[in-house]
Amino acid sequence: MNNPSANEEKMSGSDKEFGDPILGMRTFTHSLPMALLSSREAVMRKFRPLLRKYELTEQQWRVLRALIETNNIEVTELARQSFILSPSLSRILQNLISRRLITRHVVASDQRRSHISITPKGRTLFRTIAPQSENQYQHIESAIGRDKLNQLYDLLAELEASLRSADLTQQ
């Protein structure tokens, strides 16, 4: 019979937090993907009501956010920047085009490629939402503190760069 207290005695303090001797891996609560998802959900709970108010999905807002910082972007680059898979992006673009928030232009030199731009109506919507979005950022900053929030941004950028670098060395 398996005695949980005997297993616990064999584990050091950090092992108790980060590993399960039976499963041979870290505990669910110390899974980095789960911790990131949990944090994302906590953050998005601040923004979802605002987006719903303007009948936007999170993905549609990401598209508008990406487009506001560029005049014209190729669809594949937009997908990369907004972290949306191409099939989903196609549906999102159709919706935003039908609402006249964005436009699509075929590239003259290559009919298979197209560029996406935000329309004046899309810019107006963005300018309406942006201050309210910034208010949510202020709530988040108040909760965690400016220094910690900046540290979080730095750590996430460092994690991404380190993993990208590790991926390149493994190829």
Protein backbone atom coordinates (compact mmCIF):
# COMPACT_ATOMS: atom_id res chain seq x y z
CA MET A 1 0.00 0.00 0.00
CA ASN A 2 1.31 3.44 -0.90
CA ASN A 3 1.87 5.67 2.12
CA PRO A 4 1.60 9.37 1.19
CA SER A 5 3.43 10.51 4.33
CA ALA A 6 6.36 8.22 3.49
CA ASN A 7 6.55 9.79 0.02
CA GLU A 8 6.42 13.27 1.56
CA GLU A 9 9.28 12.40 3.93
CA LYS A 10 11.50 11.53 0.94
CA MET A 11 10.84 14.89 -0.71
CA SER A 12 12.74 18.08 0.06
CA GLY A 13 10.82 21.34 0.57
CA SER A 14 11.15 22.41 -3.07
CA ASP A 15 10.22 18.93 -4.27
CA LYS A 16 6.94 19.17 -2.35
CA GLU A 17 6.09 22.32 -4.29
CA PHE A 18 7.47 21.42 -7.68
CA GLY A 19 7.27 17.68 -7.99
CA ASP A 20 5.14 14.67 -7.41
CA PRO A 21 7.18 11.48 -6.90
CA ILE A 22 4.28 9.34 -8.05
CA LEU A 23 3.67 11.22 -11.31
CA GLY A 24 7.32 12.08 -11.83
CA MET A 25 6.60 15.69 -12.71
CA ARG A 26 5.85 19.05 -11.15
CA THR A 27 2.49 19.62 -9.54
CA PHE A 28 -0.35 21.06 -11.59
CA THR A 29 -0.22 24.33 -9.65
CA HIS A 30 3.43 24.77 -10.66
CA SER A 31 2.87 24.08 -14.34
CA LEU A 32 4.14 27.19 -16.15
CA PRO A 33 1.52 26.99 -18.94
CA MET A 34 -1.24 26.72 -16.31
CA ALA A 35 0.18 29.60 -14.24
CA LEU A 36 0.35 31.78 -17.36
CA LEU A 37 -3.21 30.83 -18.37
CA SER A 38 -4.50 31.52 -14.87
CA SER A 39 -2.84 34.94 -14.84
CA ARG A 40 -4.13 35.69 -18.33
CA GLU A 41 -7.67 34.86 -17.22
CA ALA A 42 -7.35 37.13 -14.18
CA VAL A 43 -6.18 39.97 -16.43
CA MET A 44 -8.81 39.36 -19.11
CA ARG A 45 -11.59 39.46 -16.52
CA LYS A 46 -10.74 43.17 -16.27
CA PHE A 47 -11.07 43.71 -20.04
CA ARG A 48 -13.88 41.41 -21.19
CA PRO A 49 -16.78 43.57 -19.95
CA LEU A 50 -15.31 46.55 -21.78
CA LEU A 51 -14.94 44.59 -25.01
CA ARG A 52 -18.47 43.17 -24.68
CA LYS A 53 -19.79 46.71 -24.28
CA TYR A 54 -18.49 47.44 -27.81
CA GLU A 55 -19.42 44.01 -29.19
CA LEU A 56 -15.81 42.95 -29.68
CA THR A 57 -14.17 39.64 -28.95
CA GLU A 58 -10.70 39.46 -27.44
CA GLN A 59 -9.31 38.39 -30.81
CA GLN A 60 -11.03 41.24 -32.67
CA TRP A 61 -9.56 43.71 -30.19
CA ARG A 62 -6.09 42.18 -30.68
CA VAL A 63 -6.46 42.74 -34.42
CA LEU A 64 -7.51 46.37 -33.94
CA ARG A 65 -4.68 46.87 -31.42
CA ALA A 66 -2.14 45.55 -33.90
CA LEU A 67 -3.55 47.60 -36.77
CA ILE A 68 -3.64 50.88 -34.85
CA GLU A 69 0.16 50.88 -34.71
CA THR A 70 0.63 50.32 -38.43
CA ASN A 71 -0.95 51.79 -41.54
CA ASN A 72 -0.94 48.64 -43.61
CA ILE A 73 0.00 45.07 -42.73
CA GLU A 74 0.07 41.78 -44.59
CA VAL A 75 -2.36 39.17 -43.30
CA THR A 76 0.36 36.67 -42.39
CA GLU A 77 2.21 39.31 -40.36
CA LEU A 78 -1.04 40.34 -38.66
CA ALA A 79 -1.64 36.71 -37.70
CA ARG A 80 1.87 36.50 -36.24
CA GLN A 81 1.59 39.76 -34.30
CA SER A 82 -1.87 39.07 -32.92
CA PHE A 83 -1.19 35.37 -32.13
CA ILE A 84 -4.23 34.22 -34.09
CA LEU A 85 -4.19 31.19 -36.38
CA SER A 86 -4.97 31.92 -40.04
CA PRO A 87 -8.35 30.12 -40.22
CA SER A 88 -9.61 32.04 -37.18
CA LEU A 89 -8.11 35.28 -38.43
CA SER A 90 -10.00 34.93 -41.73
CA ARG A 91 -13.34 34.82 -39.87
CA ILE A 92 -12.33 37.71 -37.62
CA LEU A 93 -11.29 39.82 -40.59
CA GLN A 94 -14.58 39.15 -42.39
CA ASN A 95 -16.50 40.31 -39.32
CA LEU A 96 -14.42 43.48 -38.92
CA ILE A 97 -14.69 44.22 -42.66
CA SER A 98 -18.47 43.82 -42.56
CA ARG A 99 -18.57 46.27 -39.63
CA ARG A 100 -16.39 48.66 -41.67
CA LEU A 101 -13.70 48.72 -38.98
CA ILE A 102 -10.98 47.46 -41.34
CA THR A 103 -10.37 47.10 -45.07
CA ARG A 104 -8.56 44.47 -47.12
CA HIS A 105 -6.50 45.34 -50.19
CA VAL A 106 -5.12 42.74 -52.59
CA VAL A 107 -1.41 43.23 -53.32
CA ALA A 108 -1.15 44.20 -56.99
CA SER A 109 2.08 42.28 -57.55
CA ASP A 110 0.74 39.06 -55.97
CA GLN A 111 -3.02 38.44 -56.01
CA ARG A 112 -2.64 35.74 -53.34
CA ARG A 113 -1.48 38.28 -50.74
CA SER A 114 -3.48 41.03 -49.12
CA HIS A 115 -2.92 43.92 -46.76
CA ILE A 116 -5.21 44.95 -43.95
CA SER A 117 -5.78 48.52 -42.77
CA ILE A 118 -7.87 50.05 -40.02
CA THR A 119 -10.59 52.43 -41.25
CA PRO A 120 -11.48 55.83 -39.79
CA LYS A 121 -14.47 54.13 -38.12
CA GLY A 122 -12.09 51.55 -36.63
CA ARG A 123 -9.78 54.33 -35.37
CA THR A 124 -12.76 56.11 -33.79
CA LEU A 125 -13.80 52.91 -32.02
CA PHE A 126 -10.23 52.38 -30.86
CA ARG A 127 -10.02 55.95 -29.51
CA THR A 128 -13.28 55.37 -27.65
CA ILE A 129 -12.09 52.13 -26.03
CA ALA A 130 -8.43 53.05 -25.39
CA PRO A 131 -8.97 55.36 -22.37
CA GLN A 132 -11.25 52.79 -20.74
CA SER A 133 -8.69 50.08 -21.43
CA GLU A 134 -6.00 52.25 -19.84
CA ASN A 135 -8.22 52.57 -16.75
CA GLN A 136 -8.12 48.78 -16.45
CA TYR A 137 -4.32 48.86 -16.74
CA GLN A 138 -4.30 51.40 -13.89
CA HIS A 139 -6.36 49.00 -11.75
CA ILE A 140 -3.91 46.20 -12.50
CA GLU A 141 -0.95 48.46 -11.75
CA SER A 142 -2.56 49.53 -8.49
CA ALA A 143 -3.06 45.90 -7.50
CA ILE A 144 0.50 44.74 -8.18
CA GLY A 145 2.50 47.98 -8.19
CA ARG A 146 4.29 49.72 -11.06
CA ASP A 147 7.70 48.23 -10.28
CA LYS A 148 6.37 44.68 -10.13
CA LEU A 149 4.34 45.17 -13.30
CA ASN A 150 7.42 46.43 -15.13
CA GLN A 151 9.42 43.54 -13.70
CA LEU A 152 6.73 41.15 -14.96
CA TYR A 153 6.97 42.64 -18.47
CA ASP A 154 10.76 42.29 -18.33
CA LEU A 155 10.63 38.69 -17.07
CA LEU A 156 8.10 37.65 -19.70
CA ALA A 157 10.21 39.26 -22.46
CA GLU A 158 13.30 37.52 -21.07
CA LEU A 159 11.49 34.17 -20.95
CA GLU A 160 10.32 34.54 -24.54
CA ALA A 161 13.77 35.57 -25.79
CA SER A 162 15.48 32.75 -23.90
CA LEU A 163 13.11 30.12 -25.22
CA ARG A 164 13.38 31.48 -28.77
CA SER A 165 17.18 31.36 -28.47
CA ALA A 166 17.06 27.82 -27.10
CA ASP A 167 14.79 26.79 -30.00
CA LEU A 168 17.30 28.21 -32.51
CA THR A 169 20.20 26.31 -30.95
CA GLN A 170 18.25 23.03 -31.06
CA GLN A 171 17.58 23.30 -34.80
